[in-house]
C-alpha atoms as a PDB file:
ATOM      1  CA  MET A   1       0.000   0.000   0.000  1.00  0.00           C
ATOM      2  CA  LYS A   2       2.835   2.380   0.870  1.00  0.00           C
ATOM      3  CA  ASN A   3       4.515   1.686  -2.475  1.00  0.00           C
ATOM      4  CA  LEU A   4       1.265   2.288  -4.368  1.00  0.00           C
ATOM      5  CA  LEU A   5       0.660   5.518  -2.458  1.00  0.00           C
ATOM      6  CA  THR A   6       4.153   6.753  -3.262  1.00  0.00           C
ATOM      7  CA  LYS A   7       3.660   6.039  -6.961  1.00  0.00           C
ATOM      8  CA  THR A   8       0.292   7.738  -6.983  1.00  0.00           C
ATOM      9  CA  VAL A   9       1.620  10.867  -5.282  1.00  0.00           C
ATOM     10  CA  CYS A  10       4.585  11.120  -7.619  1.00  0.00           C
ATOM     11  CA  LEU A  11       2.430  10.593 -10.704  1.00  0.00           C
ATOM     12  CA  THR A  12      -0.012  13.248  -9.513  1.00  0.00           C
ATOM     13  CA  GLN A  13       2.851  15.681  -8.980  1.00  0.00           C
ATOM     14  CA  ALA A  14       4.213  14.914 -12.431  1.00  0.00           C
ATOM     15  CA  ILE A  15       0.939  15.462 -14.235  1.00  0.00           C
ATOM     16  CA  SER A  16       0.150  18.570 -12.217  1.00  0.00           C
ATOM     17  CA  ALA A  17       3.529  20.097 -12.978  1.00  0.00           C
ATOM     18  CA  THR A  18       3.265  19.182 -16.629  1.00  0.00           C
ATOM     19  CA  MET A  19      -0.171  20.699 -17.078  1.00  0.00           C
ATOM     20  CA  HIS A  20       0.810  23.759 -15.022  1.00  0.00           C
ATOM     21  CA  VAL A  21       3.745  24.474 -17.274  1.00  0.00           C
ATOM     22  CA  GLN A  22       1.801  23.878 -20.473  1.00  0.00           C
ATOM     23  CA  CYS A  23      -1.024  26.094 -19.303  1.00  0.00           C
ATOM     24  CA  ARG A  24       1.412  28.900 -18.600  1.00  0.00           C
ATOM     25  CA  ALA A  25       3.001  28.429 -22.015  1.00  0.00           C
ATOM     26  CA  ASN A  26      -0.370  28.575 -23.739  1.00  0.00           C
ATOM     27  CA  ASN A  27      -1.682  31.577 -21.812  1.00  0.00           C
ATOM     28  CA  THR A  28       1.370  33.818 -21.593  1.00  0.00           C
ATOM     29  CA  GLY A  29       3.871  32.453 -24.077  1.00  0.00           C
ATOM     30  CA  GLU A  30       6.363  31.750 -21.323  1.00  0.00           C
ATOM     31  CA  ARG A  31       8.813  28.924 -22.019  1.00  0.00           C
ATOM     32  CA  MET A  32      10.553  28.419 -18.684  1.00  0.00           C
ATOM     33  CA  MET A  33       9.368  26.672 -15.540  1.00  0.00           C
ATOM     34  CA  ASP A  34       9.388  28.544 -12.270  1.00  0.00           C
ATOM     35  CA  THR A  35      12.177  27.873  -9.799  1.00  0.00           C
ATOM     36  CA  HIS A  36      10.079  25.628  -7.585  1.00  0.00           C
ATOM     37  CA  THR A  37       9.092  23.267 -10.410  1.00  0.00           C
ATOM     38  CA  TRP A  38      12.696  23.113 -11.622  1.00  0.00           C
ATOM     39  CA  ASP A  39      13.929  22.222  -8.125  1.00  0.00           C
ATOM     40  CA  VAL A  40      11.325  19.475  -7.809  1.00  0.00           C
ATOM     41  CA  ARG A  41      12.323  17.973 -11.148  1.00  0.00           C
ATOM     42  CA  GLN A  42      16.012  18.056 -10.331  1.00  0.00           C
ATOM     43  CA  ALA A  43      15.431  16.443  -6.959  1.00  0.00           C
ATOM     44  CA  LEU A  44      13.323  13.644  -8.462  1.00  0.00           C
ATOM     45  CA  CYS A  45      15.920  12.991 -11.165  1.00  0.00           C
ATOM     46  CA  ARG A  46      18.623  12.635  -8.515  1.00  0.00           C
ATOM     47  CA  ILE A  47      16.437  10.295  -6.470  1.00  0.00           C
ATOM     48  CA  LEU A  48      15.618   8.103  -9.471  1.00  0.00           C
ATOM     49  CA  ASP A  49      19.240   7.930 -10.570  1.00  0.00           C
ATOM     50  CA  SER A  50      20.349   7.089  -7.042  1.00  0.00           C
ATOM     51  CA  ARG A  51      17.840   4.261  -6.752  1.00  0.00           C
ATOM     52  CA  MET A  52      18.826   2.843 -10.119  1.00  0.00           C
ATOM     53  CA  ARG A  53      22.490   2.884  -9.148  1.00  0.00           C
ATOM     54  CA  ARG A  54      21.715   1.017  -5.935  1.00  0.00           C
ATOM     55  CA  ARG A  55      19.230  -1.492  -7.324  1.00  0.00           C
ATOM     56  CA  PHE A  56      20.524  -2.370 -10.778  1.00  0.00           C
ATOM     57  CA  LYS A  57      23.279  -4.872 -11.443  1.00  0.00           C
ATOM     58  CA  PRO A  58      26.470  -4.001 -13.344  1.00  0.00           C
ATOM     59  CA  PHE A  59      27.896  -5.983 -16.252  1.00  0.00           C
ATOM     60  CA  ASP A  60      29.816  -9.082 -15.208  1.00  0.00           C
ATOM     61  CA  VAL A  61      33.025 -10.292 -16.840  1.00  0.00           C
ATOM     62  CA  ALA A  62      31.127 -12.485 -19.297  1.00  0.00           C
ATOM     63  CA  ASP A  63      28.969  -9.556 -20.416  1.00  0.00           C
ATOM     64  CA  TRP A  64      32.032  -7.468 -21.260  1.00  0.00           C
ATOM     65  CA  SER A  65      33.786 -10.245 -23.170  1.00  0.00           C
ATOM     66  CA  ALA A  66      30.720 -11.438 -25.103  1.00  0.00           C
ATOM     67  CA  SER A  67      30.652 -10.790 -28.847  1.00  0.00           C
ATOM     68  CA  SER A  68      27.725  -8.542 -29.674  1.00  0.00           C
ATOM     69  CA  VAL A  69      25.360  -7.373 -32.395  1.00  0.00           C
ATOM     70  CA  ILE A  70      23.785  -3.928 -31.993  1.00  0.00           C
ATOM     71  CA  PHE A  71      20.410  -3.635 -33.727  1.00  0.00           C
ATOM     72  CA  ALA A  72      19.558   0.046 -34.344  1.00  0.00           C
ATOM     73  CA  PRO A  73      16.214   1.081 -35.837  1.00  0.00           C
ATOM     74  CA  HIS A  74      17.834   4.299 -37.147  1.00  0.00           C
ATOM     75  CA  PRO A  75      21.348   5.655 -37.488  1.00  0.00           C
ATOM     76  CA  ASP A  76      22.162   7.346 -34.132  1.00  0.00           C
ATOM     77  CA  ASP A  77      20.194   4.900 -31.938  1.00  0.00           C
ATOM     78  CA  GLU A  78      23.325   2.750 -31.634  1.00  0.00           C
ATOM     79  CA  THR A  79      25.215   5.666 -30.094  1.00  0.00           C
ATOM     80  CA  LEU A  80      22.419   7.203 -28.027  1.00  0.00           C
ATOM     81  CA  GLY A  81      21.419   3.911 -26.418  1.00  0.00           C
ATOM     82  CA  CYS A  82      24.633   1.945 -25.998  1.00  0.00           C
ATOM     83  CA  GLY A  83      27.517   3.906 -27.494  1.00  0.00           C
ATOM     84  CA  GLY A  84      29.496   3.839 -24.270  1.00  0.00           C
ATOM     85  CA  VAL A  85      29.231   0.082 -23.820  1.00  0.00           C
ATOM     86  CA  SER A  86      30.047  -0.486 -27.499  1.00  0.00           C
ATOM     87  CA  ALA A  87      33.145   1.706 -27.282  1.00  0.00           C
ATOM     88  CA  LYS A  88      34.388  -0.042 -24.160  1.00  0.00           C
ATOM     89  CA  LYS A  89      33.861  -3.484 -25.690  1.00  0.00           C
ATOM     90  CA  LEU A  90      35.635  -2.479 -28.884  1.00  0.00           C
ATOM     91  CA  ALA A  91      38.545  -0.964 -26.956  1.00  0.00           C
ATOM     92  CA  SER A  92      38.976  -4.348 -25.274  1.00  0.00           C
ATOM     93  CA  GLY A  93      39.102  -6.163 -28.604  1.00  0.00           C
ATOM     94  CA  VAL A  94      35.621  -7.663 -28.405  1.00  0.00           C
ATOM     95  CA  GLU A  95      33.769  -8.217 -31.676  1.00  0.00           C
ATOM     96  CA  VAL A  96      30.848  -5.804 -32.035  1.00  0.00           C
ATOM     97  CA  ARG A  97      28.683  -5.604 -35.160  1.00  0.00           C
ATOM     98  CA  PHE A  98      26.097  -2.984 -36.046  1.00  0.00           C
ATOM     99  CA  VAL A  99      22.859  -3.517 -37.974  1.00  0.00           C
ATOM    100  CA  PHE A 100      20.957  -0.411 -39.092  1.00  0.00           C
ATOM    101  CA  VAL A 101      17.429  -1.473 -39.861  1.00  0.00           C
ATOM    102  CA  THR A 102      15.733   1.531 -41.503  1.00  0.00           C
ATOM    103  CA  ASP A 103      17.282   4.091 -43.810  1.00  0.00           C
ATOM    104  CA  GLY A 104      16.512   7.082 -41.567  1.00  0.00           C
ATOM    105  CA  ALA A 105      15.226   9.024 -44.573  1.00  0.00           C
ATOM    106  CA  ALA A 106      12.096  10.383 -42.875  1.00  0.00           C
ATOM    107  CA  SER A 107      13.686  12.547 -40.181  1.00  0.00           C
ATOM    108  CA  HIS A 108      13.630  15.736 -42.296  1.00  0.00           C
ATOM    109  CA  ARG A 109      11.478  14.673 -45.203  1.00  0.00           C
ATOM    110  CA  ARG A 110      10.101  18.178 -45.853  1.00  0.00           C
ATOM    111  CA  LEU A 111      13.541  19.720 -46.200  1.00  0.00           C
ATOM    112  CA  ILE A 112      15.615  17.234 -48.187  1.00  0.00           C
ATOM    113  CA  SER A 113      15.012  14.408 -50.638  1.00  0.00           C
ATOM    114  CA  PRO A 114      14.826  10.907 -49.129  1.00  0.00           C
ATOM    115  CA  GLU A 115      17.612   9.723 -51.417  1.00  0.00           C
ATOM    116  CA  GLU A 116      20.022  12.428 -50.296  1.00  0.00           C
ATOM    117  CA  LEU A 117      19.188  12.016 -46.619  1.00  0.00           C
ATOM    118  CA  ARG A 118      19.531   8.228 -46.862  1.00  0.00           C
ATOM    119  CA  SER A 119      23.004   8.611 -48.313  1.00  0.00           C
ATOM    120  CA  ARG A 120      23.995  11.149 -45.686  1.00  0.00           C
ATOM    121  CA  ARG A 121      22.784   9.078 -42.799  1.00  0.00           C
ATOM    122  CA  GLU A 122      24.613   5.980 -43.975  1.00  0.00           C
ATOM    123  CA  SER A 123      27.849   7.946 -44.256  1.00  0.00           C
ATOM    124  CA  GLU A 124      27.233   9.407 -40.817  1.00  0.00           C
ATOM    125  CA  ALA A 125      26.553   5.976 -39.349  1.00  0.00           C
ATOM    126  CA  LEU A 126      29.826   4.633 -40.742  1.00  0.00           C
ATOM    127  CA  GLU A 127      31.733   7.570 -39.279  1.00  0.00           C
ATOM    128  CA  ALA A 128      30.017   7.145 -35.907  1.00  0.00           C
ATOM    129  CA  VAL A 129      30.907   3.455 -35.823  1.00  0.00           C
ATOM    130  CA  HIS A 130      34.514   4.309 -36.713  1.00  0.00           C
ATOM    131  CA  ARG A 131      34.612   6.765 -33.817  1.00  0.00           C
ATOM    132  CA  LEU A 132      33.299   4.083 -31.489  1.00  0.00           C
ATOM    133  CA  GLY A 133      36.202   1.920 -32.575  1.00  0.00           C
ATOM    134  CA  ALA A 134      34.752  -0.456 -35.190  1.00  0.00           C
ATOM    135  CA  SER A 135      35.434  -0.914 -38.898  1.00  0.00           C
ATOM    136  CA  SER A 136      33.125  -0.494 -41.880  1.00  0.00           C
ATOM    137  CA  GLU A 137      33.083  -4.276 -42.252  1.00  0.00           C
ATOM    138  CA  SER A 138      31.205  -4.523 -38.976  1.00  0.00           C
ATOM    139  CA  VAL A 139      28.257  -2.511 -40.356  1.00  0.00           C
ATOM    140  CA  THR A 140      25.171  -3.817 -42.159  1.00  0.00           C
ATOM    141  CA  PHE A 141      22.476  -1.591 -43.674  1.00  0.00           C
ATOM    142  CA  LEU A 142      19.108  -3.243 -44.267  1.00  0.00           C
ATOM    143  CA  ARG A 143      17.476  -0.078 -45.698  1.00  0.00           C
ATOM    144  CA  PHE A 144      13.870  -0.702 -44.704  1.00  0.00           C
ATOM    145  CA  PRO A 145      11.792   2.482 -45.106  1.00  0.00           C
ATOM    146  CA  ASP A 146      12.011   4.835 -42.154  1.00  0.00           C
ATOM    147  CA  ALA A 147       8.827   5.149 -40.056  1.00  0.00           C
ATOM    148  CA  GLU A 148       7.390   1.994 -41.658  1.00  0.00           C
ATOM    149  CA  ALA A 149       9.145  -0.832 -39.805  1.00  0.00           C
ATOM    150  CA  SER A 150       5.900  -1.924 -38.181  1.00  0.00           C
ATOM    151  CA  HIS A 151       4.637  -2.894 -41.653  1.00  0.00           C
ATOM    152  CA  HIS A 152       7.695  -5.068 -42.319  1.00  0.00           C
ATOM    153  CA  ILE A 153       8.261  -7.026 -39.108  1.00  0.00           C
ATOM    154  CA  HIS A 154       8.182 -10.399 -40.858  1.00  0.00           C
ATOM    155  CA  ALA A 155      10.640  -9.264 -43.557  1.00  0.00           C
ATOM    156  CA  ILE A 156      12.924  -7.713 -40.943  1.00  0.00           C
ATOM    157  CA  THR A 157      12.847 -10.940 -38.950  1.00  0.00           C
ATOM    158  CA  LYS A 158      13.798 -12.913 -42.057  1.00  0.00           C
ATOM    159  CA  ALA A 159      16.707 -10.513 -42.627  1.00  0.00           C
ATOM    160  CA  PHE A 160      17.935 -10.932 -39.036  1.00  0.00           C
ATOM    161  CA  VAL A 161      17.972 -14.731 -38.915  1.00  0.00           C
ATOM    162  CA  PRO A 162      20.804 -15.372 -41.424  1.00  0.00           C
ATOM    163  CA  LEU A 163      22.887 -12.635 -39.782  1.00  0.00           C
ATOM    164  CA  LEU A 164      22.538 -14.334 -36.422  1.00  0.00           C
ATOM    165  CA  GLU A 165      23.315 -17.717 -37.966  1.00  0.00           C
ATOM    166  CA  ARG A 166      26.426 -16.345 -39.657  1.00  0.00           C
ATOM    167  CA  TRP A 167      27.818 -14.354 -36.724  1.00  0.00           C
ATOM    168  CA  ARG A 168      26.554 -16.419 -33.765  1.00  0.00           C
ATOM    169  CA  PRO A 169      26.877 -13.566 -31.268  1.00  0.00           C
ATOM    170  CA  GLN A 170      26.943 -14.167 -27.540  1.00  0.00           C
ATOM    171  CA  SER A 171      24.795 -11.099 -26.882  1.00  0.00           C
ATOM    172  CA  VAL A 172      22.519  -8.737 -28.770  1.00  0.00           C
ATOM    173  CA  PHE A 173      21.462  -5.163 -28.071  1.00  0.00           C
ATOM    174  CA  VAL A 174      18.131  -3.809 -29.294  1.00  0.00           C
ATOM    175  CA  THR A 175      15.870  -0.872 -28.531  1.00  0.00           C
ATOM    176  CA  HIS A 176      13.649  -1.391 -25.528  1.00  0.00           C
ATOM    177  CA  ALA A 177      10.200  -2.925 -25.926  1.00  0.00           C
ATOM    178  CA  LYS A 178       8.774   0.092 -24.053  1.00  0.00           C
ATOM    179  CA  ASP A 179      10.409   2.692 -26.308  1.00  0.00           C
ATOM    180  CA  PRO A 180       7.559   4.758 -27.822  1.00  0.00           C
ATOM    181  CA  PRO A 181       8.517   5.036 -31.547  1.00  0.00           C
ATOM    182  CA  SER A 182       6.837   2.408 -33.708  1.00  0.00           C
ATOM    183  CA  ASP A 183      10.101   1.590 -35.496  1.00  0.00           C
ATOM    184  CA  HIS A 184      11.764   0.845 -32.157  1.00  0.00           C
ATOM    185  CA  ILE A 185       8.942  -1.429 -31.074  1.00  0.00           C
ATOM    186  CA  ALA A 186       8.936  -3.212 -34.436  1.00  0.00           C
ATOM    187  CA  VAL A 187      12.683  -3.852 -34.401  1.00  0.00           C
ATOM    188  CA  ASN A 188      12.424  -5.215 -30.866  1.00  0.00           C
ATOM    189  CA  ALA A 189       9.652  -7.584 -31.967  1.00  0.00           C
ATOM    190  CA  ALA A 190      11.667  -8.692 -34.992  1.00  0.00           C
ATOM    191  CA  VAL A 191      14.756  -9.393 -32.890  1.00  0.00           C
ATOM    192  CA  ARG A 192      12.749 -11.468 -30.445  1.00  0.00           C
ATOM    193  CA  ALA A 193      11.197 -13.478 -33.273  1.00  0.00           C
ATOM    194  CA  ALA A 194      14.569 -13.954 -34.964  1.00  0.00           C
ATOM    195  CA  LEU A 195      16.122 -15.190 -31.728  1.00  0.00           C
ATOM    196  CA  ARG A 196      13.414 -17.838 -31.427  1.00  0.00           C
ATOM    197  CA  TRP A 197      14.274 -19.041 -34.922  1.00  0.00           C
ATOM    198  CA  HIS A 198      17.981 -18.832 -34.162  1.00  0.00           C
ATOM    199  CA  GLY A 199      17.598 -21.063 -31.124  1.00  0.00           C
ATOM    200  CA  ARG A 200      21.097 -20.549 -29.722  1.00  0.00           C
ATOM    201  CA  PRO A 201      21.548 -19.313 -26.147  1.00  0.00           C
ATOM    202  CA  LEU A 202      22.598 -15.688 -25.713  1.00  0.00           C
ATOM    203  CA  THR A 203      22.017 -12.619 -23.602  1.00  0.00           C
ATOM    204  CA  VAL A 204      19.743  -9.766 -24.692  1.00  0.00           C
ATOM    205  CA  PHE A 205      20.209  -6.160 -23.609  1.00  0.00           C
ATOM    206  CA  GLU A 206      17.290  -3.861 -24.391  1.00  0.00           C
ATOM    207  CA  TYR A 207      18.376  -0.224 -24.388  1.00  0.00           C
ATOM    208  CA  PRO A 208      15.991   2.725 -23.856  1.00  0.00           C
ATOM    209  CA  VAL A 209      16.210   5.828 -26.032  1.00  0.00           C
ATOM    210  CA  TRP A 210      12.867   7.637 -26.355  1.00  0.00           C
ATOM    211  CA  TYR A 211      11.735   5.914 -23.194  1.00  0.00           C
ATOM    212  CA  TRP A 212      13.353   8.838 -21.350  1.00  0.00           C
ATOM    213  CA  TYR A 213      11.111  11.408 -23.022  1.00  0.00           C
ATOM    214  CA  HIS A 214       9.051  12.027 -19.909  1.00  0.00           C
ATOM    215  CA  TRP A 215       8.867  14.215 -16.853  1.00  0.00           C
ATOM    216  CA  PRO A 216      10.993  14.649 -14.735  1.00  0.00           C
ATOM    217  CA  TRP A 217      13.810  13.972 -17.210  1.00  0.00           C
ATOM    218  CA  VAL A 218      12.421  16.450 -19.734  1.00  0.00           C
ATOM    219  CA  ARG A 219      10.065  19.381 -19.391  1.00  0.00           C
ATOM    220  CA  PRO A 220       7.061  20.013 -21.642  1.00  0.00           C
ATOM    221  CA  ALA A 221       7.590  23.783 -21.761  1.00  0.00           C
ATOM    222  CA  GLY A 222      10.119  25.185 -24.219  1.00  0.00           C
ATOM    223  CA  ASP A 223       9.893  22.089 -26.405  1.00  0.00           C
ATOM    224  CA  LEU A 224       9.164  21.757 -30.100  1.00  0.00           C
ATOM    225  CA  PRO A 225       5.502  22.276 -31.065  1.00  0.00           C
ATOM    226  CA  GLY A 226       3.290  19.392 -30.029  1.00  0.00           C
ATOM    227  CA  MET A 227       6.002  17.482 -28.162  1.00  0.00           C
ATOM    228  CA  TRP A 228       4.398  18.262 -24.798  1.00  0.00           C
ATOM    229  CA  ARG A 229       1.776  15.648 -25.672  1.00  0.00           C
ATOM    230  CA  THR A 230       4.492  13.031 -26.111  1.00  0.00           C
ATOM    231  CA  THR A 231       5.997  14.039 -22.790  1.00  0.00           C
ATOM    232  CA  LEU A 232       2.656  13.787 -21.015  1.00  0.00           C
ATOM    233  CA  ARG A 233       1.775  10.371 -22.518  1.00  0.00           C
ATOM    234  CA  GLN A 234       5.159   8.960 -21.642  1.00  0.00           C
ATOM    235  CA  THR A 235       4.997  10.450 -18.149  1.00  0.00           C
ATOM    236  CA  VAL A 236       1.770   8.593 -17.499  1.00  0.00           C
ATOM    237  CA  LYS A 237       3.068   5.326 -19.012  1.00  0.00           C
ATOM    238  CA  THR A 238       6.260   5.402 -16.977  1.00  0.00           C
ATOM    239  CA  VAL A 239       4.550   6.588 -13.776  1.00  0.00           C
ATOM    240  CA  ALA A 240       6.776   9.677 -13.805  1.00  0.00           C
ATOM    241  CA  GLY A 241       9.911   7.568 -14.091  1.00  0.00           C
ATOM    242  CA  LEU A 242       9.127   5.088 -11.318  1.00  0.00           C
ATOM    243  CA  ARG A 243       8.419   2.245 -13.738  1.00  0.00           C
ATOM    244  CA  ALA A 244      12.087   2.274 -14.788  1.00  0.00           C
ATOM    245  CA  LEU A 245      12.924   0.747 -11.403  1.00  0.00           C
ATOM    246  CA  SER A 246      11.137  -2.440 -12.464  1.00  0.00           C
ATOM    247  CA  ALA A 247      11.374  -2.244 -16.271  1.00  0.00           C
ATOM    248  CA  LEU A 248      15.183  -1.968 -16.256  1.00  0.00           C
ATOM    249  CA  ASN A 249      17.701  -4.021 -14.288  1.00  0.00           C
ATOM    250  CA  THR A 250      21.250  -3.245 -15.415  1.00  0.00           C
ATOM    251  CA  LEU A 251      23.354  -0.090 -15.067  1.00  0.00           C
ATOM    252  CA  VAL A 252      26.798   0.318 -16.605  1.00  0.00           C
ATOM    253  CA  PRO A 253      29.118   3.238 -15.785  1.00  0.00           C
ATOM    254  CA  ILE A 254      30.618   4.635 -19.006  1.00  0.00           C
ATOM    255  CA  GLY A 255      32.304   7.796 -17.725  1.00  0.00           C
ATOM    256  CA  GLU A 256      35.685   6.873 -19.197  1.00  0.00           C
ATOM    257  CA  PHE A 257      34.078   6.504 -22.649  1.00  0.00           C
ATOM    258  CA  LEU A 258      31.609   9.372 -22.469  1.00  0.00           C
ATOM    259  CA  ASP A 259      33.797  11.621 -24.634  1.00  0.00           C
ATOM    260  CA  VAL A 260      33.996   8.829 -27.234  1.00  0.00           C
ATOM    261  CA  LYS A 261      30.209   8.562 -27.176  1.00  0.00           C
ATOM    262  CA  ARG A 262      29.832  12.328 -27.607  1.00  0.00           C
ATOM    263  CA  HIS A 263      32.293  12.270 -30.499  1.00  0.00           C
ATOM    264  CA  ALA A 264      30.394   9.424 -32.157  1.00  0.00           C
ATOM    265  CA  LEU A 265      27.060  11.201 -31.760  1.00  0.00           C
ATOM    266  CA  ALA A 266      28.535  14.323 -33.371  1.00  0.00           C
ATOM    267  CA  ALA A 267      29.200  12.224 -36.480  1.00  0.00           C
ATOM    268  CA  HIS A 268      25.435  12.124 -37.035  1.00  0.00           C
ATOM    269  CA  VAL A 269      25.590  15.635 -38.449  1.00  0.00           C
ATOM    270  CA  SER A 270      22.082  15.596 -39.937  1.00  0.00           C
ATOM    271  CA  GLN A 271      20.684  15.004 -36.451  1.00  0.00           C
ATOM    272  CA  THR A 272      22.971  17.248 -34.423  1.00  0.00           C
ATOM    273  CA  GLN A 273      23.748  20.313 -36.571  1.00  0.00           C
ATOM    274  CA  ARG A 274      21.454  22.814 -38.266  1.00  0.00           C
ATOM    275  CA  PRO A 275      22.500  23.834 -41.801  1.00  0.00           C
ATOM    276  CA  GLU A 276      23.099  27.565 -42.120  1.00  0.00           C
ATOM    277  CA  ASP A 277      20.453  27.932 -44.832  1.00  0.00           C
ATOM    278  CA  LYS A 278      17.735  25.883 -43.067  1.00  0.00           C
ATOM    279  CA  ASP A 279      16.471  27.612 -39.951  1.00  0.00           C
ATOM    280  CA  ASP A 280      13.634  25.113 -39.551  1.00  0.00           C
ATOM    281  CA  TRP A 281      15.974  22.074 -39.550  1.00  0.00           C
ATOM    282  CA  GLN A 282      15.379  20.435 -36.179  1.00  0.00           C
ATOM    283  CA  THR A 283      18.177  18.751 -34.246  1.00  0.00           C
ATOM    284  CA  LEU A 284      18.303  16.471 -31.233  1.00  0.00           C
ATOM    285  CA  SER A 285      19.317  19.405 -29.048  1.00  0.00           C
ATOM    286  CA  ASP A 286      16.095  21.210 -29.959  1.00  0.00           C
ATOM    287  CA  LEU A 287      14.099  18.519 -28.179  1.00  0.00           C
ATOM    288  CA  SER A 288      13.149  19.653 -24.668  1.00  0.00           C
ATOM    289  CA  SER A 289      15.771  22.417 -24.885  1.00  0.00           C
ATOM    290  CA  GLY A 290      18.564  19.839 -24.848  1.00  0.00           C
ATOM    291  CA  GLU A 291      17.403  17.868 -21.811  1.00  0.00           C
ATOM    292  CA  PHE A 292      16.615  14.747 -23.840  1.00  0.00           C
ATOM    293  CA  VAL A 293      20.142  14.495 -25.218  1.00  0.00           C
ATOM    294  CA  ALA A 294      21.599  15.357 -21.814  1.00  0.00           C
ATOM    295  CA  ARG A 295      19.818  12.343 -20.317  1.00  0.00           C
ATOM    296  CA  LEU A 296      21.209  10.057 -23.017  1.00  0.00           C
ATOM    297  CA  LEU A 297      24.713  11.458 -22.481  1.00  0.00           C
ATOM    298  CA  ALA A 298      24.786  10.612 -18.788  1.00  0.00           C
ATOM    299  CA  ASP A 299      27.811   8.881 -17.268  1.00  0.00           C
ATOM    300  CA  HIS A 300      26.018   5.535 -17.351  1.00  0.00           C
ATOM    301  CA  GLU A 301      23.830   3.445 -19.650  1.00  0.00           C
ATOM    302  CA  VAL A 302      20.956   1.278 -18.503  1.00  0.00           C
ATOM    303  CA  PHE A 303      19.398  -1.851 -19.929  1.00  0.00           C
ATOM    304  CA  THR A 304      16.929  -4.634 -19.411  1.00  0.00           C
ATOM    305  CA  ARG A 305      19.099  -7.758 -19.414  1.00  0.00           C
ATOM    306  CA  TYR A 306      17.747 -11.289 -19.884  1.00  0.00           C
ATOM    307  CA  ARG A 307      18.845 -14.603 -21.365  1.00  0.00           C
ATOM    308  CA  VAL A 308      17.106 -16.509 -24.139  1.00  0.00           C
ATOM    309  CA  ASN A 309      17.219 -20.062 -25.494  1.00  0.00           C
ATOM    310  CA  PHE A 310      18.865 -21.511 -22.388  1.00  0.00           C
END
């Protein structure tokens, strides 16, 4: 009962703060939270992080030495979700492969042709992987249409199976089943189906990316138009961050490789830099005034770890 009461209180505070901020933004055009709301958010973030550090398990020796395949729905997910772990594995000589599932051509579809953006994002992905410490030979592009993975789950699964059979990894990394974007959910479903076909024992690490797009990690005020709705929905689904304490179970410090991760993310130029002649080109730092990226560039990465086919 005490646990339920705590969750209810925190969720109520989250929704109240979210609606308070949005109401102020709508009525007065203000884009900053008052000092009290900011202090509450910061305090809750520290509490959540502290609990995760205490409750979650670290990688063991076998996790660090296990060969891995990183499944990324889009170029940049590999770095945002598990770039630090990938860099540390690669620095230790562990085999890490990267599979980019969609072509990423829908991120700025109104401002650039899909063909040009597809080419750019593949070049950026290769550079990011190089900065993490891997070679071009470790990269596979499947080129399914961006934003349409949910319509191709069976085909994606069929593409995954021979890769798993050929490489026989000891672990795989994939976007979390609770990540909101449909492409992320679809790729997770395809990986799970492919692993059943594969049949060999291995460890799965599901990494959150857009999962973090909720209060208190991000604020709804000062965000891109319409994104406050995403924040509010995700805040409710995650019980204002409390659900992470049960949905996730592994925390890995990556402080020594955080600069490598930042450098790799910067390689995704189309997602991190605004062209001089395109003022309406949105970047990752535009989301929640940079708080979303800040969360993903913390000194640790978290996962849901489980074993399959044992």
